[in-house]
């Protein structure tokens, strides 16, 4: 998971995205699911067809929301959703949980079973963004 977390935060290009998806697609670890869902949504950035863009976005959104519904206390999943929502255009209607996820993360990060370095990364990323967007 440590390498996956680092790689996730370095995705900048379509090639990076493809590499990440290929590296994680066969993973049996359920903790990978939010990251894969986020990357599925990100694929929308690299296609020109509007219906395909929306299909990628909705597919990833559905997977991420289902995972969070089944694992509501998974701080990592809430963090990934926070990152997605802060970068999602408002017209898609997927920006309503930013403040709630930020509060959940800040309230529970100290007891999360994560490496201290990753906790710091999460806190830096979450707290450098205003609660409303």
N, C-alpha and C. Protein backbone atom coordinates (compact mmCIF):
# COMPACT_ATOMS: atom_id res chain seq x y z
N UNK A 1 0.82 -1.20 0.00
CA UNK A 1 0.00 0.00 0.00
C UNK A 1 0.86 1.27 0.00
N UNK A 2 2.01 1.21 0.62
CA UNK A 2 2.85 2.41 0.69
C UNK A 2 3.23 2.88 -0.70
N UNK A 3 3.66 1.97 -1.57
CA UNK A 3 4.03 2.35 -2.94
C UNK A 3 2.82 2.84 -3.72
N UNK A 4 1.70 2.19 -3.53
CA UNK A 4 0.47 2.59 -4.22
C UNK A 4 0.10 4.01 -3.82
N UNK A 5 0.16 4.33 -2.55
CA UNK A 5 -0.18 5.67 -2.08
C UNK A 5 0.73 6.72 -2.70
N UNK A 6 2.01 6.41 -2.74
CA UNK A 6 2.97 7.35 -3.34
C UNK A 6 2.69 7.53 -4.83
N UNK A 7 2.49 6.42 -5.51
CA UNK A 7 2.24 6.48 -6.96
C UNK A 7 0.95 7.25 -7.25
N UNK A 8 -0.07 7.05 -6.46
CA UNK A 8 -1.35 7.74 -6.65
C UNK A 8 -1.16 9.26 -6.65
N UNK A 9 -0.34 9.74 -5.74
CA UNK A 9 -0.14 11.18 -5.62
C UNK A 9 0.78 11.75 -6.70
N UNK A 10 1.36 10.90 -7.53
CA UNK A 10 2.23 11.40 -8.60
C UNK A 10 1.58 11.31 -9.98
N UNK A 11 0.32 10.91 -10.04
CA UNK A 11 -0.35 10.81 -11.34
C UNK A 11 -0.57 12.22 -11.89
N UNK A 12 0.07 12.49 -13.00
CA UNK A 12 -0.04 13.81 -13.64
C UNK A 12 -0.44 13.72 -15.11
N UNK A 13 -0.20 12.56 -15.72
CA UNK A 13 -0.45 12.41 -17.15
C UNK A 13 -1.30 11.16 -17.40
N UNK A 14 -1.75 11.05 -18.63
CA UNK A 14 -2.51 9.87 -19.02
C UNK A 14 -1.65 8.61 -18.89
N UNK A 15 -0.40 8.73 -19.21
CA UNK A 15 0.51 7.57 -19.09
C UNK A 15 0.66 7.16 -17.63
N UNK A 16 0.81 8.13 -16.73
CA UNK A 16 0.88 7.83 -15.29
C UNK A 16 -0.38 7.10 -14.84
N UNK A 17 -1.51 7.57 -15.32
CA UNK A 17 -2.79 6.97 -14.96
C UNK A 17 -2.88 5.52 -15.44
N UNK A 18 -2.47 5.29 -16.69
CA UNK A 18 -2.47 3.93 -17.24
C UNK A 18 -1.56 3.01 -16.43
N UNK A 19 -0.39 3.51 -16.07
CA UNK A 19 0.55 2.72 -15.28
C UNK A 19 -0.04 2.35 -13.92
N UNK A 20 -0.68 3.32 -13.29
CA UNK A 20 -1.28 3.07 -11.99
C UNK A 20 -2.40 2.03 -12.10
N UNK A 21 -3.26 2.19 -13.07
CA UNK A 21 -4.37 1.24 -13.26
C UNK A 21 -3.83 -0.15 -13.55
N UNK A 22 -2.85 -0.26 -14.41
CA UNK A 22 -2.26 -1.57 -14.72
C UNK A 22 -1.60 -2.21 -13.50
N UNK A 23 -0.98 -1.38 -12.66
CA UNK A 23 -0.29 -1.90 -11.48
C UNK A 23 -1.26 -2.36 -10.39
N UNK A 24 -2.48 -1.85 -10.41
CA UNK A 24 -3.42 -2.15 -9.33
C UNK A 24 -4.61 -3.00 -9.74
N UNK A 25 -4.82 -3.19 -11.02
CA UNK A 25 -6.05 -3.83 -11.48
C UNK A 25 -6.25 -5.26 -10.98
N UNK A 26 -5.19 -5.97 -10.69
CA UNK A 26 -5.31 -7.35 -10.22
C UNK A 26 -5.16 -7.49 -8.71
N UNK A 27 -5.13 -6.38 -8.01
CA UNK A 27 -4.95 -6.41 -6.57
C UNK A 27 -6.16 -7.04 -5.89
N UNK A 28 -5.89 -7.84 -4.91
CA UNK A 28 -6.94 -8.48 -4.11
C UNK A 28 -7.23 -7.69 -2.83
N UNK A 29 -6.44 -6.66 -2.58
CA UNK A 29 -6.60 -5.85 -1.38
C UNK A 29 -7.77 -4.88 -1.55
N UNK A 30 -8.79 -4.98 -0.70
CA UNK A 30 -9.95 -4.09 -0.84
C UNK A 30 -9.62 -2.62 -0.61
N UNK A 31 -8.54 -2.32 0.11
CA UNK A 31 -8.16 -0.93 0.38
C UNK A 31 -7.74 -0.19 -0.90
N UNK A 32 -7.51 -0.92 -1.97
CA UNK A 32 -7.13 -0.33 -3.25
C UNK A 32 -8.35 0.24 -3.97
N UNK A 33 -9.53 -0.25 -3.64
CA UNK A 33 -10.76 0.11 -4.35
C UNK A 33 -10.98 1.61 -4.49
N UNK A 34 -10.87 2.42 -3.44
CA UNK A 34 -11.08 3.86 -3.62
C UNK A 34 -10.11 4.50 -4.61
N UNK A 35 -8.87 4.03 -4.60
CA UNK A 35 -7.87 4.57 -5.52
C UNK A 35 -8.21 4.22 -6.97
N UNK A 36 -8.62 2.98 -7.19
CA UNK A 36 -9.01 2.56 -8.54
C UNK A 36 -10.24 3.32 -9.00
N UNK A 37 -11.21 3.49 -8.10
CA UNK A 37 -12.42 4.24 -8.44
C UNK A 37 -12.07 5.68 -8.84
N UNK A 38 -11.19 6.29 -8.08
CA UNK A 38 -10.76 7.65 -8.39
C UNK A 38 -10.09 7.72 -9.76
N UNK A 39 -9.27 6.73 -10.06
CA UNK A 39 -8.58 6.70 -11.35
C UNK A 39 -9.56 6.45 -12.50
N UNK A 40 -10.58 5.68 -12.25
CA UNK A 40 -11.62 5.48 -13.27
C UNK A 40 -12.26 6.81 -13.60
N UNK A 41 -12.57 7.59 -12.58
CA UNK A 41 -13.14 8.93 -12.82
C UNK A 41 -12.16 9.82 -13.57
N UNK A 42 -10.89 9.71 -13.22
CA UNK A 42 -9.87 10.56 -13.85
C UNK A 42 -9.70 10.25 -15.34
N UNK A 43 -10.05 9.04 -15.74
CA UNK A 43 -9.97 8.68 -17.16
C UNK A 43 -10.82 9.61 -18.02
N UNK A 44 -11.84 10.21 -17.42
CA UNK A 44 -12.70 11.15 -18.14
C UNK A 44 -11.91 12.34 -18.68
N UNK A 45 -10.86 12.70 -18.01
CA UNK A 45 -10.04 13.84 -18.46
C UNK A 45 -9.34 13.57 -19.79
N UNK A 46 -9.19 12.30 -20.11
CA UNK A 46 -8.38 11.95 -21.28
C UNK A 46 -9.19 11.40 -22.45
N UNK A 47 -10.47 11.64 -22.45
CA UNK A 47 -11.28 11.26 -23.60
C UNK A 47 -12.04 12.49 -24.09
N UNK A 48 -12.29 12.54 -25.37
CA UNK A 48 -12.97 13.71 -25.92
C UNK A 48 -14.48 13.52 -26.02
N UNK A 49 -14.94 12.29 -25.93
CA UNK A 49 -16.36 11.99 -26.11
C UNK A 49 -17.13 12.28 -24.81
N UNK A 50 -18.07 13.22 -24.86
CA UNK A 50 -18.80 13.60 -23.64
C UNK A 50 -19.50 12.43 -22.95
N UNK A 51 -20.11 11.54 -23.71
CA UNK A 51 -20.81 10.42 -23.09
C UNK A 51 -19.83 9.45 -22.42
N UNK A 52 -18.67 9.29 -23.02
CA UNK A 52 -17.64 8.42 -22.45
C UNK A 52 -17.07 9.07 -21.18
N UNK A 53 -16.89 10.39 -21.22
CA UNK A 53 -16.42 11.11 -20.03
C UNK A 53 -17.37 10.86 -18.86
N UNK A 54 -18.64 11.04 -19.13
CA UNK A 54 -19.64 10.87 -18.08
C UNK A 54 -19.71 9.41 -17.62
N UNK A 55 -19.55 8.49 -18.53
CA UNK A 55 -19.58 7.07 -18.18
C UNK A 55 -18.42 6.71 -17.25
N UNK A 56 -17.21 7.18 -17.57
CA UNK A 56 -16.06 6.94 -16.69
C UNK A 56 -16.30 7.55 -15.31
N UNK A 57 -16.77 8.78 -15.31
CA UNK A 57 -17.00 9.48 -14.05
C UNK A 57 -18.03 8.72 -13.20
N UNK A 58 -19.14 8.37 -13.80
CA UNK A 58 -20.20 7.69 -13.05
C UNK A 58 -19.79 6.29 -12.58
N UNK A 59 -19.03 5.59 -13.39
CA UNK A 59 -18.54 4.26 -13.00
C UNK A 59 -17.66 4.35 -11.76
N UNK A 60 -16.71 5.29 -11.77
CA UNK A 60 -15.83 5.47 -10.63
C UNK A 60 -16.56 5.98 -9.40
N UNK A 61 -17.47 6.91 -9.61
CA UNK A 61 -18.26 7.47 -8.51
C UNK A 61 -19.07 6.37 -7.83
N UNK A 62 -19.71 5.54 -8.63
CA UNK A 62 -20.52 4.45 -8.08
C UNK A 62 -19.66 3.50 -7.24
N UNK A 63 -18.49 3.14 -7.74
CA UNK A 63 -17.60 2.23 -7.02
C UNK A 63 -17.11 2.87 -5.72
N UNK A 64 -16.75 4.14 -5.78
CA UNK A 64 -16.25 4.83 -4.59
C UNK A 64 -17.35 4.97 -3.53
N UNK A 65 -18.53 5.38 -3.95
CA UNK A 65 -19.63 5.56 -3.00
C UNK A 65 -20.05 4.23 -2.39
N UNK A 66 -20.06 3.17 -3.17
CA UNK A 66 -20.41 1.85 -2.65
C UNK A 66 -19.38 1.41 -1.60
N UNK A 67 -18.11 1.62 -1.91
CA UNK A 67 -17.06 1.25 -0.96
C UNK A 67 -17.23 2.02 0.35
N UNK A 68 -17.48 3.33 0.25
CA UNK A 68 -17.63 4.15 1.46
C UNK A 68 -18.90 3.76 2.22
N UNK A 69 -19.95 3.43 1.50
CA UNK A 69 -21.18 2.97 2.16
C UNK A 69 -20.91 1.70 2.97
N UNK A 70 -20.10 0.82 2.43
CA UNK A 70 -19.77 -0.44 3.10
C UNK A 70 -18.68 -0.28 4.16
N UNK A 71 -17.89 0.78 4.04
CA UNK A 71 -16.76 1.04 4.95
C UNK A 71 -16.77 2.50 5.38
N UNK A 72 -17.81 2.95 6.08
CA UNK A 72 -17.97 4.38 6.36
C UNK A 72 -16.86 4.98 7.24
N UNK A 73 -16.13 4.15 7.96
CA UNK A 73 -15.07 4.67 8.83
C UNK A 73 -13.69 4.59 8.20
N UNK A 74 -13.64 4.22 6.94
CA UNK A 74 -12.35 4.11 6.24
C UNK A 74 -11.87 5.51 5.88
N UNK A 75 -10.94 5.99 6.67
CA UNK A 75 -10.46 7.36 6.50
C UNK A 75 -9.78 7.56 5.15
N UNK A 76 -9.12 6.54 4.66
CA UNK A 76 -8.43 6.64 3.38
C UNK A 76 -9.43 6.83 2.24
N UNK A 77 -10.53 6.11 2.29
CA UNK A 77 -11.57 6.25 1.26
C UNK A 77 -12.18 7.64 1.32
N UNK A 78 -12.40 8.13 2.51
CA UNK A 78 -12.96 9.48 2.65
C UNK A 78 -11.97 10.53 2.14
N UNK A 79 -10.70 10.28 2.34
CA UNK A 79 -9.66 11.17 1.83
C UNK A 79 -9.65 11.17 0.30
N UNK A 80 -9.72 10.01 -0.30
CA UNK A 80 -9.74 9.92 -1.76
C UNK A 80 -10.98 10.64 -2.30
N UNK A 81 -12.13 10.43 -1.67
CA UNK A 81 -13.34 11.12 -2.12
C UNK A 81 -13.17 12.63 -1.98
N UNK A 82 -12.56 13.08 -0.89
CA UNK A 82 -12.29 14.49 -0.70
C UNK A 82 -11.47 15.04 -1.87
N UNK A 83 -10.41 14.33 -2.24
CA UNK A 83 -9.56 14.78 -3.34
C UNK A 83 -10.33 14.84 -4.65
N UNK A 84 -11.14 13.83 -4.90
CA UNK A 84 -11.94 13.80 -6.13
C UNK A 84 -12.92 14.97 -6.14
N UNK A 85 -13.64 15.14 -5.06
CA UNK A 85 -14.68 16.17 -5.04
C UNK A 85 -14.10 17.58 -5.14
N UNK A 86 -12.94 17.78 -4.57
CA UNK A 86 -12.37 19.14 -4.67
C UNK A 86 -11.95 19.47 -6.10
N UNK A 87 -11.78 18.44 -6.93
CA UNK A 87 -11.37 18.68 -8.32
C UNK A 87 -12.49 18.41 -9.32
N UNK A 88 -13.69 18.18 -8.84
CA UNK A 88 -14.82 17.89 -9.72
C UNK A 88 -15.57 19.17 -10.04
N UNK A 89 -15.91 19.37 -11.31
CA UNK A 89 -16.71 20.55 -11.65
C UNK A 89 -18.06 20.52 -10.91
N UNK A 90 -18.47 21.66 -10.41
CA UNK A 90 -19.70 21.76 -9.62
C UNK A 90 -20.92 21.25 -10.36
N UNK A 91 -20.97 21.46 -11.68
CA UNK A 91 -22.16 21.06 -12.43
C UNK A 91 -22.41 19.56 -12.41
N UNK A 92 -21.42 18.76 -12.03
CA UNK A 92 -21.61 17.32 -11.94
C UNK A 92 -22.31 16.91 -10.64
N UNK A 93 -22.45 17.85 -9.73
CA UNK A 93 -23.17 17.58 -8.50
C UNK A 93 -22.46 16.64 -7.54
N UNK A 94 -21.15 16.59 -7.61
CA UNK A 94 -20.40 15.68 -6.75
C UNK A 94 -19.39 16.45 -5.91
N UNK A 95 -19.87 17.50 -5.25
CA UNK A 95 -18.99 18.30 -4.41
C UNK A 95 -19.59 18.54 -3.03
N UNK A 96 -20.64 17.82 -2.69
CA UNK A 96 -21.38 18.11 -1.47
C UNK A 96 -20.78 17.54 -0.19
N UNK A 97 -19.82 16.67 -0.30
CA UNK A 97 -19.30 16.02 0.90
C UNK A 97 -17.90 16.50 1.29
N UNK A 98 -17.45 17.55 0.67
CA UNK A 98 -16.10 18.05 0.95
C UNK A 98 -15.94 18.41 2.42
N UNK A 99 -16.82 19.25 2.93
CA UNK A 99 -16.71 19.70 4.33
C UNK A 99 -16.86 18.54 5.31
N UNK A 100 -17.79 17.65 5.06
CA UNK A 100 -18.00 16.50 5.94
C UNK A 100 -16.82 15.57 5.97
N UNK A 101 -16.24 15.31 4.79
CA UNK A 101 -15.08 14.44 4.73
C UNK A 101 -13.88 15.10 5.42
N UNK A 102 -13.74 16.39 5.23
CA UNK A 102 -12.63 17.10 5.88
C UNK A 102 -12.76 16.99 7.40
N UNK A 103 -13.94 17.21 7.91
CA UNK A 103 -14.16 17.11 9.36
C UNK A 103 -13.90 15.69 9.85
N UNK A 104 -14.42 14.69 9.13
CA UNK A 104 -14.21 13.30 9.52
C UNK A 104 -12.72 12.97 9.58
N UNK A 105 -12.01 13.39 8.57
CA UNK A 105 -10.57 13.11 8.50
C UNK A 105 -9.85 13.77 9.67
N UNK A 106 -10.11 15.05 9.89
CA UNK A 106 -9.44 15.75 10.99
C UNK A 106 -9.79 15.16 12.35
N UNK A 107 -11.03 14.70 12.52
CA UNK A 107 -11.46 14.13 13.79
C UNK A 107 -10.89 12.74 14.06
N UNK A 108 -10.56 11.99 13.00
CA UNK A 108 -10.16 10.60 13.17
C UNK A 108 -8.74 10.25 12.73
N UNK A 109 -8.00 11.20 12.20
CA UNK A 109 -6.69 10.89 11.66
C UNK A 109 -5.72 10.37 12.73
N UNK A 110 -5.84 10.88 13.93
CA UNK A 110 -4.89 10.47 14.97
C UNK A 110 -5.01 9.00 15.34
N UNK A 111 -6.18 8.41 15.17
CA UNK A 111 -6.37 7.00 15.52
C UNK A 111 -6.36 6.08 14.30
N UNK A 112 -6.14 6.64 13.12
CA UNK A 112 -6.14 5.84 11.90
C UNK A 112 -4.93 4.91 11.86
N UNK A 113 -5.15 3.73 11.33
CA UNK A 113 -4.08 2.74 11.19
C UNK A 113 -3.34 2.98 9.87
N UNK A 114 -2.60 4.08 9.84
CA UNK A 114 -1.84 4.49 8.66
C UNK A 114 -0.45 4.90 9.09
N UNK A 115 0.51 4.81 8.18
CA UNK A 115 1.86 5.30 8.50
C UNK A 115 1.82 6.80 8.83
N UNK A 116 2.61 7.21 9.78
CA UNK A 116 2.63 8.62 10.20
C UNK A 116 2.92 9.56 9.03
N UNK A 117 3.80 9.15 8.15
CA UNK A 117 4.13 9.98 6.98
C UNK A 117 2.90 10.22 6.11
N UNK A 118 2.09 9.18 5.93
CA UNK A 118 0.89 9.32 5.11
C UNK A 118 -0.18 10.14 5.83
N UNK A 119 -0.26 10.01 7.14
CA UNK A 119 -1.17 10.86 7.91
C UNK A 119 -0.82 12.33 7.69
N UNK A 120 0.47 12.63 7.70
CA UNK A 120 0.91 14.01 7.47
C UNK A 120 0.53 14.49 6.08
N UNK A 121 0.71 13.63 5.08
CA UNK A 121 0.33 13.97 3.71
C UNK A 121 -1.15 14.27 3.64
N UNK A 122 -1.95 13.43 4.25
CA UNK A 122 -3.40 13.62 4.24
C UNK A 122 -3.76 14.95 4.88
N UNK A 123 -3.22 15.22 6.05
CA UNK A 123 -3.55 16.46 6.75
C UNK A 123 -3.12 17.69 5.97
N UNK A 124 -1.97 17.64 5.38
CA UNK A 124 -1.51 18.78 4.57
C UNK A 124 -2.47 19.02 3.41
N UNK A 125 -2.82 17.95 2.70
CA UNK A 125 -3.70 18.10 1.55
C UNK A 125 -5.11 18.53 1.94
N UNK A 126 -5.62 18.00 3.01
CA UNK A 126 -6.99 18.32 3.43
C UNK A 126 -7.09 19.73 4.00
N UNK A 127 -6.08 20.15 4.74
CA UNK A 127 -6.19 21.43 5.43
C UNK A 127 -5.65 22.62 4.66
N UNK A 128 -5.20 22.40 3.44
CA UNK A 128 -4.78 23.54 2.62
C UNK A 128 -5.90 23.95 1.67
N UNK A 129 -7.07 23.35 1.87
CA UNK A 129 -8.23 23.66 1.03
C UNK A 129 -9.35 24.13 1.93
N UNK A 130 -10.04 25.17 1.50
CA UNK A 130 -11.14 25.70 2.34
C UNK A 130 -12.25 24.66 2.44
N UNK A 131 -13.05 24.69 3.50
CA UNK A 131 -14.08 23.69 3.72
C UNK A 131 -15.20 23.75 2.69
N UNK A 132 -15.33 24.83 1.98
CA UNK A 132 -16.41 24.94 1.00
C UNK A 132 -15.99 24.60 -0.41
N UNK A 133 -14.72 24.33 -0.64
CA UNK A 133 -14.22 23.88 -1.96
C UNK A 133 -12.75 23.92 -2.02
